[in-house]
Amino acid sequence: MADVPGLIEGASQGAGLGHQFLRHVERTRLIVHCSTERRRSPGDYAVINHELAEFSQRLATRPRSSS
């Protein structure tokens, strides 16, 4: 399991702690998008998926779920 609260737009290009977080996520078998914030929008989910795919094709095809 990996917790990636700091994944931001541009992470796949190294923004923020992007590469460090994304290398951590690569070791997971399943990606579950969870949010405790009511303000999180479907666009946030799309940004995260985009950053995962830009970093690694393996992450782009990893099973995922959201809650």
PDB file of N, CA and C in Angstrom:
ATOM      1  N   MET A   1       0.849  -1.171   0.000  1.00  0.00           N
ATOM      2  CA  MET A   1       0.000   0.000   0.000  1.00  0.00           C
ATOM      3  C   MET A   1       0.898   1.239   0.000  1.00  0.00           C
ATOM      4  N   ALA A   2       0.481   2.241  -0.729  1.00  0.00           N
ATOM      5  CA  ALA A   2       1.218   3.498  -0.782  1.00  0.00           C
ATOM      6  C   ALA A   2       0.251   4.647  -0.569  1.00  0.00           C
ATOM      7  N   ASP A   3       0.648   5.597   0.220  1.00  0.00           N
ATOM      8  CA  ASP A   3      -0.150   6.798   0.450  1.00  0.00           C
ATOM      9  C   ASP A   3       0.548   7.924  -0.296  1.00  0.00           C
ATOM     10  N   VAL A   4      -0.144   8.538  -1.245  1.00  0.00           N
ATOM     11  CA  VAL A   4       0.498   9.567  -2.063  1.00  0.00           C
ATOM     12  C   VAL A   4      -0.258  10.892  -2.003  1.00  0.00           C
ATOM     13  N   PRO A   5      -0.380  11.472  -0.806  1.00  0.00           N
ATOM     14  CA  PRO A   5      -1.135  12.721  -0.693  1.00  0.00           C
ATOM     15  C   PRO A   5      -0.464  13.902  -1.382  1.00  0.00           C
ATOM     16  N   GLY A   6       0.835  13.807  -1.628  1.00  0.00           N
ATOM     17  CA  GLY A   6       1.555  14.920  -2.216  1.00  0.00           C
ATOM     18  C   GLY A   6       1.663  14.880  -3.720  1.00  0.00           C
ATOM     19  N   LEU A   7       0.964  13.975  -4.367  1.00  0.00           N
ATOM     20  CA  LEU A   7       1.048  13.883  -5.826  1.00  0.00           C
ATOM     21  C   LEU A   7       0.328  15.083  -6.436  1.00  0.00           C
ATOM     22  N   ILE A   8       1.076  15.883  -7.172  1.00  0.00           N
ATOM     23  CA  ILE A   8       0.533  17.110  -7.748  1.00  0.00           C
ATOM     24  C   ILE A   8       0.678  17.091  -9.257  1.00  0.00           C
ATOM     25  N   GLU A   9      -0.018  18.001  -9.896  1.00  0.00           N
ATOM     26  CA  GLU A   9       0.114  18.139 -11.337  1.00  0.00           C
ATOM     27  C   GLU A   9       1.575  18.455 -11.665  1.00  0.00           C
ATOM     28  N   GLY A  10       2.132  17.749 -12.622  1.00  0.00           N
ATOM     29  CA  GLY A  10       3.528  17.919 -13.001  1.00  0.00           C
ATOM     30  C   GLY A  10       4.463  16.946 -12.294  1.00  0.00           C
ATOM     31  N   ALA A  11       3.914  16.082 -11.442  1.00  0.00           N
ATOM     32  CA  ALA A  11       4.740  15.121 -10.702  1.00  0.00           C
ATOM     33  C   ALA A  11       5.524  14.212 -11.642  1.00  0.00           C
ATOM     34  N   SER A  12       4.933  13.835 -12.760  1.00  0.00           N
ATOM     35  CA  SER A  12       5.622  12.944 -13.704  1.00  0.00           C
ATOM     36  C   SER A  12       6.843  13.617 -14.331  1.00  0.00           C
ATOM     37  N   GLN A  13       6.882  14.939 -14.255  1.00  0.00           N
ATOM     38  CA  GLN A  13       8.029  15.694 -14.758  1.00  0.00           C
ATOM     39  C   GLN A  13       8.996  16.052 -13.636  1.00  0.00           C
ATOM     40  N   GLY A  14       8.689  15.587 -12.395  1.00  0.00           N
ATOM     41  CA  GLY A  14       9.572  15.830 -11.264  1.00  0.00           C
ATOM     42  C   GLY A  14       9.129  16.936 -10.330  1.00  0.00           C
ATOM     43  N   ALA A  15       7.965  17.547 -10.575  1.00  0.00           N
ATOM     44  CA  ALA A  15       7.488  18.624  -9.707  1.00  0.00           C
ATOM     45  C   ALA A  15       7.218  18.099  -8.305  1.00  0.00           C
ATOM     46  N   GLY A  16       7.532  18.928  -7.323  1.00  0.00           N
ATOM     47  CA  GLY A  16       7.322  18.525  -5.938  1.00  0.00           C
ATOM     48  C   GLY A  16       8.164  17.303  -5.618  1.00  0.00           C
ATOM     49  N   LEU A  17       7.576  16.357  -4.949  1.00  0.00           N
ATOM     50  CA  LEU A  17       8.253  15.090  -4.658  1.00  0.00           C
ATOM     51  C   LEU A  17       7.821  14.018  -5.649  1.00  0.00           C
ATOM     52  N   GLY A  18       7.395  14.442  -6.821  1.00  0.00           N
ATOM     53  CA  GLY A  18       6.805  13.574  -7.821  1.00  0.00           C
ATOM     54  C   GLY A  18       7.481  12.259  -8.083  1.00  0.00           C
ATOM     55  N   HIS A  19       8.739  12.275  -8.483  1.00  0.00           N
ATOM     56  CA  HIS A  19       9.400  11.015  -8.825  1.00  0.00           C
ATOM     57  C   HIS A  19       9.529  10.110  -7.613  1.00  0.00           C
ATOM     58  N   GLN A  20       9.788  10.687  -6.451  1.00  0.00           N
ATOM     59  CA  GLN A  20       9.898   9.884  -5.230  1.00  0.00           C
ATOM     60  C   GLN A  20       8.560   9.196  -4.939  1.00  0.00           C
ATOM     61  N   PHE A  21       7.463   9.930  -5.005  1.00  0.00           N
ATOM     62  CA  PHE A  21       6.137   9.347  -4.784  1.00  0.00           C
ATOM     63  C   PHE A  21       5.811   8.302  -5.840  1.00  0.00           C
ATOM     64  N   LEU A  22       6.070   8.620  -7.097  1.00  0.00           N
ATOM     65  CA  LEU A  22       5.702   7.724  -8.183  1.00  0.00           C
ATOM     66  C   LEU A  22       6.502   6.430  -8.164  1.00  0.00           C
ATOM     67  N   ARG A  23       7.756   6.480  -7.775  1.00  0.00           N
ATOM     68  CA  ARG A  23       8.531   5.244  -7.627  1.00  0.00           C
ATOM     69  C   ARG A  23       7.939   4.380  -6.520  1.00  0.00           C
ATOM     70  N   HIS A  24       7.449   5.015  -5.472  1.00  0.00           N
ATOM     71  CA  HIS A  24       6.797   4.301  -4.366  1.00  0.00           C
ATOM     72  C   HIS A  24       5.519   3.620  -4.871  1.00  0.00           C
ATOM     73  N   VAL A  25       4.732   4.317  -5.664  1.00  0.00           N
ATOM     74  CA  VAL A  25       3.472   3.779  -6.194  1.00  0.00           C
ATOM     75  C   VAL A  25       3.731   2.605  -7.135  1.00  0.00           C
ATOM     76  N   GLU A  26       4.836   2.622  -7.854  1.00  0.00           N
ATOM     77  CA  GLU A  26       5.147   1.533  -8.786  1.00  0.00           C
ATOM     78  C   GLU A  26       5.221   0.171  -8.104  1.00  0.00           C
ATOM     79  N   ARG A  27       5.461   0.147  -6.816  1.00  0.00           N
ATOM     80  CA  ARG A  27       5.574  -1.127  -6.098  1.00  0.00           C
ATOM     81  C   ARG A  27       4.219  -1.682  -5.665  1.00  0.00           C
ATOM     82  N   THR A  28       3.135  -0.987  -5.940  1.00  0.00           N
ATOM     83  CA  THR A  28       1.812  -1.454  -5.530  1.00  0.00           C
ATOM     84  C   THR A  28       1.168  -2.306  -6.611  1.00  0.00           C
ATOM     85  N   ARG A  29       0.218  -3.146  -6.214  1.00  0.00           N
ATOM     86  CA  ARG A  29      -0.514  -3.984  -7.179  1.00  0.00           C
ATOM     87  C   ARG A  29      -1.846  -3.364  -7.573  1.00  0.00           C
ATOM     88  N   LEU A  30      -2.394  -2.535  -6.701  1.00  0.00           N
ATOM     89  CA  LEU A  30      -3.710  -1.937  -6.907  1.00  0.00           C
ATOM     90  C   LEU A  30      -3.650  -0.489  -6.463  1.00  0.00           C
ATOM     91  N   ILE A  31      -4.276   0.384  -7.217  1.00  0.00           N
ATOM     92  CA  ILE A  31      -4.335   1.795  -6.857  1.00  0.00           C
ATOM     93  C   ILE A  31      -5.780   2.100  -6.439  1.00  0.00           C
ATOM     94  N   VAL A  32      -5.934   2.614  -5.233  1.00  0.00           N
ATOM     95  CA  VAL A  32      -7.248   2.998  -4.723  1.00  0.00           C
ATOM     96  C   VAL A  32      -7.212   4.499  -4.461  1.00  0.00           C
ATOM     97  N   HIS A  33      -8.094   5.224  -5.119  1.00  0.00           N
ATOM     98  CA  HIS A  33      -8.200   6.665  -4.914  1.00  0.00           C
ATOM     99  C   HIS A  33      -9.199   6.904  -3.792  1.00  0.00           C
ATOM    100  N   CYS A  34      -8.739   7.479  -2.701  1.00  0.00           N
ATOM    101  CA  CYS A  34      -9.600   7.788  -1.554  1.00  0.00           C
ATOM    102  C   CYS A  34      -9.517   9.278  -1.280  1.00  0.00           C
ATOM    103  N   SER A  35     -10.620   9.841  -0.853  1.00  0.00           N
ATOM    104  CA  SER A  35     -10.622  11.243  -0.496  1.00  0.00           C
ATOM    105  C   SER A  35     -11.483  11.457   0.734  1.00  0.00           C
ATOM    106  N   THR A  36     -10.942  12.199   1.683  1.00  0.00           N
ATOM    107  CA  THR A  36     -11.723  12.585   2.860  1.00  0.00           C
ATOM    108  C   THR A  36     -12.214  14.013   2.716  1.00  0.00           C
ATOM    109  N   GLU A  37     -11.822  14.643   1.628  1.00  0.00           N
ATOM    110  CA  GLU A  37     -12.216  16.027   1.389  1.00  0.00           C
ATOM    111  C   GLU A  37     -13.417  16.075   0.455  1.00  0.00           C
ATOM    112  N   ARG A  38     -14.452  16.744   0.887  1.00  0.00           N
ATOM    113  CA  ARG A  38     -15.659  16.852   0.056  1.00  0.00           C
ATOM    114  C   ARG A  38     -15.424  17.722  -1.173  1.00  0.00           C
ATOM    115  N   ARG A  39     -14.426  18.573  -1.139  1.00  0.00           N
ATOM    116  CA  ARG A  39     -14.195  19.483  -2.258  1.00  0.00           C
ATOM    117  C   ARG A  39     -13.428  18.837  -3.405  1.00  0.00           C
ATOM    118  N   ARG A  40     -12.944  17.635  -3.241  1.00  0.00           N
ATOM    119  CA  ARG A  40     -12.184  16.975  -4.303  1.00  0.00           C
ATOM    120  C   ARG A  40     -13.094  16.766  -5.513  1.00  0.00           C
ATOM    121  N   SER A  41     -12.618  17.114  -6.661  1.00  0.00           N
ATOM    122  CA  SER A  41     -13.433  17.041  -7.876  1.00  0.00           C
ATOM    123  C   SER A  41     -13.006  15.867  -8.749  1.00  0.00           C
ATOM    124  N   PRO A  42     -13.870  15.465  -9.683  1.00  0.00           N
ATOM    125  CA  PRO A  42     -13.476  14.416 -10.634  1.00  0.00           C
ATOM    126  C   PRO A  42     -12.239  14.811 -11.430  1.00  0.00           C
ATOM    127  N   GLY A  43     -11.992  16.106 -11.588  1.00  0.00           N
ATOM    128  CA  GLY A  43     -10.801  16.571 -12.278  1.00  0.00           C
ATOM    129  C   GLY A  43      -9.530  16.191 -11.541  1.00  0.00           C
ATOM    130  N   ASP A  44      -9.588  16.167 -10.203  1.00  0.00           N
ATOM    131  CA  ASP A  44      -8.431  15.754  -9.406  1.00  0.00           C
ATOM    132  C   ASP A  44      -8.072  14.306  -9.720  1.00  0.00           C
ATOM    133  N   TYR A  45      -9.064  13.464  -9.827  1.00  0.00           N
ATOM    134  CA  TYR A  45      -8.875  12.051 -10.161  1.00  0.00           C
ATOM    135  C   TYR A  45      -8.199  11.927 -11.532  1.00  0.00           C
ATOM    136  N   ALA A  46      -8.639  12.743 -12.477  1.00  0.00           N
ATOM    137  CA  ALA A  46      -8.065  12.721 -13.826  1.00  0.00           C
ATOM    138  C   ALA A  46      -6.606  13.174 -13.813  1.00  0.00           C
ATOM    139  N   VAL A  47      -6.282  14.197 -13.027  1.00  0.00           N
ATOM    140  CA  VAL A  47      -4.900  14.680 -12.937  1.00  0.00           C
ATOM    141  C   VAL A  47      -3.999  13.582 -12.379  1.00  0.00           C
ATOM    142  N   ILE A  48      -4.448  12.915 -11.317  1.00  0.00           N
ATOM    143  CA  ILE A  48      -3.651  11.843 -10.714  1.00  0.00           C
ATOM    144  C   ILE A  48      -3.420  10.725 -11.730  1.00  0.00           C
ATOM    145  N   ASN A  49      -4.482  10.301 -12.413  1.00  0.00           N
ATOM    146  CA  ASN A  49      -4.338   9.227 -13.411  1.00  0.00           C
ATOM    147  C   ASN A  49      -3.406   9.637 -14.540  1.00  0.00           C
ATOM    148  N   HIS A  50      -3.491  10.892 -14.957  1.00  0.00           N
ATOM    149  CA  HIS A  50      -2.607  11.397 -16.012  1.00  0.00           C
ATOM    150  C   HIS A  50      -1.143  11.341 -15.559  1.00  0.00           C
ATOM    151  N   GLU A  51      -0.870  11.791 -14.349  1.00  0.00           N
ATOM    152  CA  GLU A  51       0.498  11.798 -13.840  1.00  0.00           C
ATOM    153  C   GLU A  51       1.040  10.373 -13.714  1.00  0.00           C
ATOM    154  N   LEU A  52       0.202   9.440 -13.270  1.00  0.00           N
ATOM    155  CA  LEU A  52       0.622   8.041 -13.179  1.00  0.00           C
ATOM    156  C   LEU A  52       0.982   7.497 -14.556  1.00  0.00           C
ATOM    157  N   ALA A  53       0.140   7.780 -15.544  1.00  0.00           N
ATOM    158  CA  ALA A  53       0.370   7.284 -16.909  1.00  0.00           C
ATOM    159  C   ALA A  53       1.593   7.924 -17.556  1.00  0.00           C
ATOM    160  N   GLU A  54       1.804   9.212 -17.313  1.00  0.00           N
ATOM    161  CA  GLU A  54       2.960   9.901 -17.889  1.00  0.00           C
ATOM    162  C   GLU A  54       4.272   9.366 -17.319  1.00  0.00           C
ATOM    163  N   PHE A  55       4.243   8.942 -16.072  1.00  0.00           N
ATOM    164  CA  PHE A  55       5.447   8.433 -15.427  1.00  0.00           C
ATOM    165  C   PHE A  55       5.762   7.010 -15.871  1.00  0.00           C
ATOM    166  N   SER A  56       4.704   6.172 -16.020  1.00  0.00           N
ATOM    167  CA  SER A  56       4.943   4.761 -16.301  1.00  0.00           C
ATOM    168  C   SER A  56       3.727   4.118 -16.961  1.00  0.00           C
ATOM    169  N   GLN A  57       3.946   3.434 -18.064  1.00  0.00           N
ATOM    170  CA  GLN A  57       2.855   2.708 -18.717  1.00  0.00           C
ATOM    171  C   GLN A  57       2.332   1.587 -17.825  1.00  0.00           C
ATOM    172  N   ARG A  58       3.212   1.015 -17.008  1.00  0.00           N
ATOM    173  CA  ARG A  58       2.755  -0.019 -16.063  1.00  0.00           C
ATOM    174  C   ARG A  58       1.757   0.562 -15.075  1.00  0.00           C
ATOM    175  N   LEU A  59       1.988   1.799 -14.611  1.00  0.00           N
ATOM    176  CA  LEU A  59       1.039   2.425 -13.708  1.00  0.00           C
ATOM    177  C   LEU A  59      -0.267   2.764 -14.421  1.00  0.00           C
ATOM    178  N   ALA A  60      -0.181   3.075 -15.696  1.00  0.00           N
ATOM    179  CA  ALA A  60      -1.374   3.424 -16.471  1.00  0.00           C
ATOM    180  C   ALA A  60      -2.341   2.253 -16.566  1.00  0.00           C
ATOM    181  N   THR A  61      -1.812   1.052 -16.532  1.00  0.00           N
ATOM    182  CA  THR A  61      -2.665  -0.139 -16.688  1.00  0.00           C
ATOM    183  C   THR A  61      -2.905  -0.883 -15.383  1.00  0.00           C
ATOM    184  N   ARG A  62      -2.397  -0.367 -14.280  1.00  0.00           N
ATOM    185  CA  ARG A  62      -2.586  -0.998 -12.966  1.00  0.00           C
ATOM    186  C   ARG A  62      -4.059  -0.961 -12.558  1.00  0.00           C
ATOM    187  N   PRO A  63      -4.580  -2.045 -11.992  1.00  0.00           N
ATOM    188  CA  PRO A  63      -5.974  -2.020 -11.527  1.00  0.00           C
ATOM    189  C   PRO A  63      -6.187  -0.886 -10.542  1.00  0.00           C
ATOM    190  N   ARG A  64      -7.378  -0.279 -10.579  1.00  0.00           N
ATOM    191  CA  ARG A  64      -7.677   0.828  -9.674  1.00  0.00           C
ATOM    192  C   ARG A  64      -9.130   0.874  -9.287  1.00  0.00           C
ATOM    193  N   SER A  65      -9.363   1.552  -8.210  1.00  0.00           N
ATOM    194  CA  SER A  65     -10.711   1.739  -7.682  1.00  0.00           C
ATOM    195  C   SER A  65     -10.757   3.117  -7.028  1.00  0.00           C
ATOM    196  N   SER A  66     -11.941   3.642  -6.801  1.00  0.00           N
ATOM    197  CA  SER A  66     -12.064   4.914  -6.088  1.00  0.00           C
ATOM    198  C   SER A  66     -13.159   4.810  -5.054  1.00  0.00           C
ATOM    199  N   SER A  67     -12.994   5.598  -4.013  1.00  0.00           N
ATOM    200  CA  SER A  67     -14.028   5.638  -2.961  1.00  0.00           C
ATOM    201  C   SER A  67     -14.195   7.038  -2.451  1.00  0.00           C
TER     202      SER A  67
END
